[in-house]
Amino acid sequence: MKSFIITSCLILIAVKSASSIKCYVCNTTSSAQPFQCSEWFERYDQPEIQPVDCENVHGAKYCIKHIGRYEGGIGAIRYCSSRDLGNYCNYVKNKGDEQEYRSCIFTCNTDGCNGAPSFTQNPATKILLLTLVALFIMF
């Protein structure tokens, strides 16, 4: 029984959850979710959209928020990605534009980009479990 508990704890510590990251997936220009995907959707109101499981994006480990100029439009787009696009801003002026537009990319790697670490990846949780296993073995 003791070895089963120890093995279970070690597996829990070592194995990352099989589920993929969950990200907000939306586009400012979407008529399906009007006014739900602006740059500051968390500022004054809670959007009706929720983070979705990114299992349909192969190897998705990141959530991306792109604001400013993209695909010929201006606004915000949020999506899942298998690549870390970094965090940066550029000023873009395309042919025919009268002014420059600020365009930014923000990348994060936690569910909903809210900074809540998963249970198995939290270092404090791993230390606590290892300590409990050590105490269990000693006594």
Protein backbone atom coordinates (compact mmCIF):
# COMPACT_ATOMS: atom_id res chain seq x y z
CA MET A 1 0.00 0.00 0.00
CA LYS A 2 2.84 2.33 0.88
CA SER A 3 4.54 1.81 -2.47
CA PHE A 4 1.26 2.47 -4.31
CA ILE A 5 0.86 5.85 -2.56
CA ILE A 6 4.49 6.79 -3.20
CA THR A 7 4.24 5.80 -6.87
CA SER A 8 1.00 7.73 -7.28
CA CYS A 9 2.51 10.86 -5.77
CA LEU A 10 5.62 10.62 -7.96
CA ILE A 11 3.50 10.18 -11.09
CA LEU A 12 1.36 13.18 -10.10
CA ILE A 13 4.48 15.27 -9.65
CA ALA A 14 6.25 14.16 -12.83
CA VAL A 15 3.46 13.97 -15.38
CA LYS A 16 2.06 17.13 -16.89
CA SER A 17 -1.67 17.18 -17.45
CA ALA A 18 -2.71 15.81 -20.84
CA SER A 19 -5.18 18.60 -21.47
CA SER A 20 -4.09 21.49 -23.61
CA ILE A 21 -3.94 25.16 -22.71
CA LYS A 22 -7.19 27.15 -22.70
CA CYS A 23 -7.21 30.56 -24.40
CA TYR A 24 -9.67 33.24 -25.31
CA VAL A 25 -10.36 32.83 -29.02
CA CYS A 26 -12.05 35.81 -30.61
CA ASN A 27 -11.78 38.54 -33.20
CA THR A 28 -12.97 42.15 -33.02
CA THR A 29 -14.60 41.88 -36.43
CA SER A 30 -16.61 38.75 -35.58
CA SER A 31 -20.34 39.19 -36.00
CA ALA A 32 -20.92 36.02 -33.95
CA GLN A 33 -19.64 37.76 -30.80
CA PRO A 34 -20.06 41.50 -31.37
CA PHE A 35 -18.23 43.79 -28.91
CA GLN A 36 -16.80 40.82 -27.01
CA CYS A 37 -13.20 41.01 -28.18
CA SER A 38 -11.91 44.53 -27.79
CA GLU A 39 -8.44 45.36 -26.51
CA TRP A 40 -9.70 45.92 -22.96
CA PHE A 41 -12.59 43.48 -22.63
CA GLU A 42 -11.82 42.94 -18.96
CA ARG A 43 -11.86 46.63 -18.11
CA TYR A 44 -15.51 47.54 -17.50
CA ASP A 45 -17.54 44.48 -18.25
CA GLN A 46 -17.14 40.76 -18.16
CA PRO A 47 -17.29 39.28 -21.65
CA GLU A 48 -19.64 36.44 -22.39
CA ILE A 49 -16.81 34.55 -24.07
CA GLN A 50 -14.74 32.15 -22.01
CA PRO A 51 -11.36 30.54 -22.62
CA VAL A 52 -11.64 27.49 -24.85
CA ASP A 53 -9.56 24.33 -25.00
CA CYS A 54 -6.89 24.66 -27.71
CA GLU A 55 -6.79 20.95 -28.51
CA ASN A 56 -7.61 21.74 -32.17
CA VAL A 57 -4.25 23.55 -32.55
CA HIS A 58 -1.42 21.02 -32.80
CA GLY A 59 1.08 21.52 -29.99
CA ALA A 60 -0.67 24.61 -28.60
CA LYS A 61 1.23 25.90 -25.57
CA TYR A 62 0.62 29.64 -25.85
CA CYS A 63 -2.19 32.17 -25.91
CA ILE A 64 -1.71 35.18 -28.18
CA LYS A 65 -3.31 38.61 -27.95
CA HIS A 66 -2.70 40.75 -31.03
CA ILE A 67 -3.96 44.32 -30.87
CA GLY A 68 -3.76 47.13 -33.38
CA ARG A 69 -3.24 46.53 -37.08
CA TYR A 70 -3.70 42.99 -38.43
CA GLU A 71 -5.06 41.41 -41.60
CA GLY A 72 -5.98 44.79 -43.05
CA GLY A 73 -8.07 45.81 -40.07
CA ILE A 74 -7.73 47.50 -36.71
CA GLY A 75 -8.80 45.84 -33.47
CA ALA A 76 -7.94 42.82 -31.38
CA ILE A 77 -7.62 39.13 -32.06
CA ARG A 78 -6.98 36.40 -29.51
CA TYR A 79 -6.00 32.84 -30.42
CA CYS A 80 -4.10 29.66 -29.54
CA SER A 81 -0.59 29.07 -30.83
CA SER A 82 2.10 26.42 -30.81
CA ARG A 83 4.75 29.15 -31.12
CA ASP A 84 5.93 31.77 -28.65
CA LEU A 85 5.60 35.01 -30.61
CA GLY A 86 7.12 37.11 -27.82
CA ASN A 87 5.93 40.42 -26.46
CA TYR A 88 6.53 43.51 -28.56
CA CYS A 89 4.93 46.50 -30.26
CA ASN A 90 5.59 48.04 -33.67
CA TYR A 91 4.35 51.14 -35.40
CA VAL A 92 2.92 50.28 -38.81
CA LYS A 93 2.17 52.59 -41.69
CA ASN A 94 0.93 50.89 -44.84
CA LYS A 95 0.72 52.44 -48.27
CA GLY A 96 -2.21 54.84 -48.32
CA ASP A 97 -2.37 55.25 -44.51
CA GLU A 98 -2.43 58.80 -43.22
CA GLN A 99 -1.03 57.84 -39.83
CA GLU A 100 0.99 55.15 -38.09
CA TYR A 101 -0.82 52.49 -36.11
CA ARG A 102 0.54 50.78 -33.00
CA SER A 103 0.36 47.01 -33.29
CA CYS A 104 1.29 44.76 -30.37
CA ILE A 105 1.69 41.02 -29.79
CA PHE A 106 1.46 39.56 -26.28
CA THR A 107 2.22 35.90 -25.56
CA CYS A 108 1.46 33.96 -22.39
CA ASN A 109 1.37 30.29 -21.44
CA THR A 110 -1.29 29.87 -18.76
CA ASP A 111 -5.00 29.14 -19.07
CA GLY A 112 -6.84 32.31 -20.06
CA CYS A 113 -3.56 34.18 -19.58
CA ASN A 114 -4.68 34.82 -16.03
CA GLY A 115 -1.45 33.63 -14.45
CA ALA A 116 -2.98 30.72 -12.51
CA PRO A 117 -0.45 27.89 -12.69
CA SER A 118 -1.72 24.39 -13.19
CA PHE A 119 -1.63 22.06 -10.20
CA THR A 120 1.16 19.86 -11.53
CA GLN A 121 3.37 22.73 -12.61
CA ASN A 122 3.23 24.73 -9.39
CA PRO A 123 6.66 24.37 -7.66
CA ALA A 124 5.14 24.84 -4.20
CA THR A 125 2.77 21.93 -4.81
CA LYS A 126 5.64 19.70 -5.91
CA ILE A 127 7.65 20.57 -2.78
CA LEU A 128 4.63 19.92 -0.54
CA LEU A 129 3.97 16.53 -2.14
CA LEU A 130 7.62 15.49 -1.90
CA THR A 131 7.69 16.52 1.76
CA LEU A 132 4.54 14.52 2.50
CA VAL A 133 5.98 11.46 0.75
CA ALA A 134 9.25 11.80 2.71
CA LEU A 135 7.35 12.11 6.02
CA PHE A 136 5.19 9.14 5.12
CA ILE A 137 8.28 7.01 4.40
CA MET A 138 10.04 8.08 7.61
CA PHE A 139 7.10 7.37 9.90
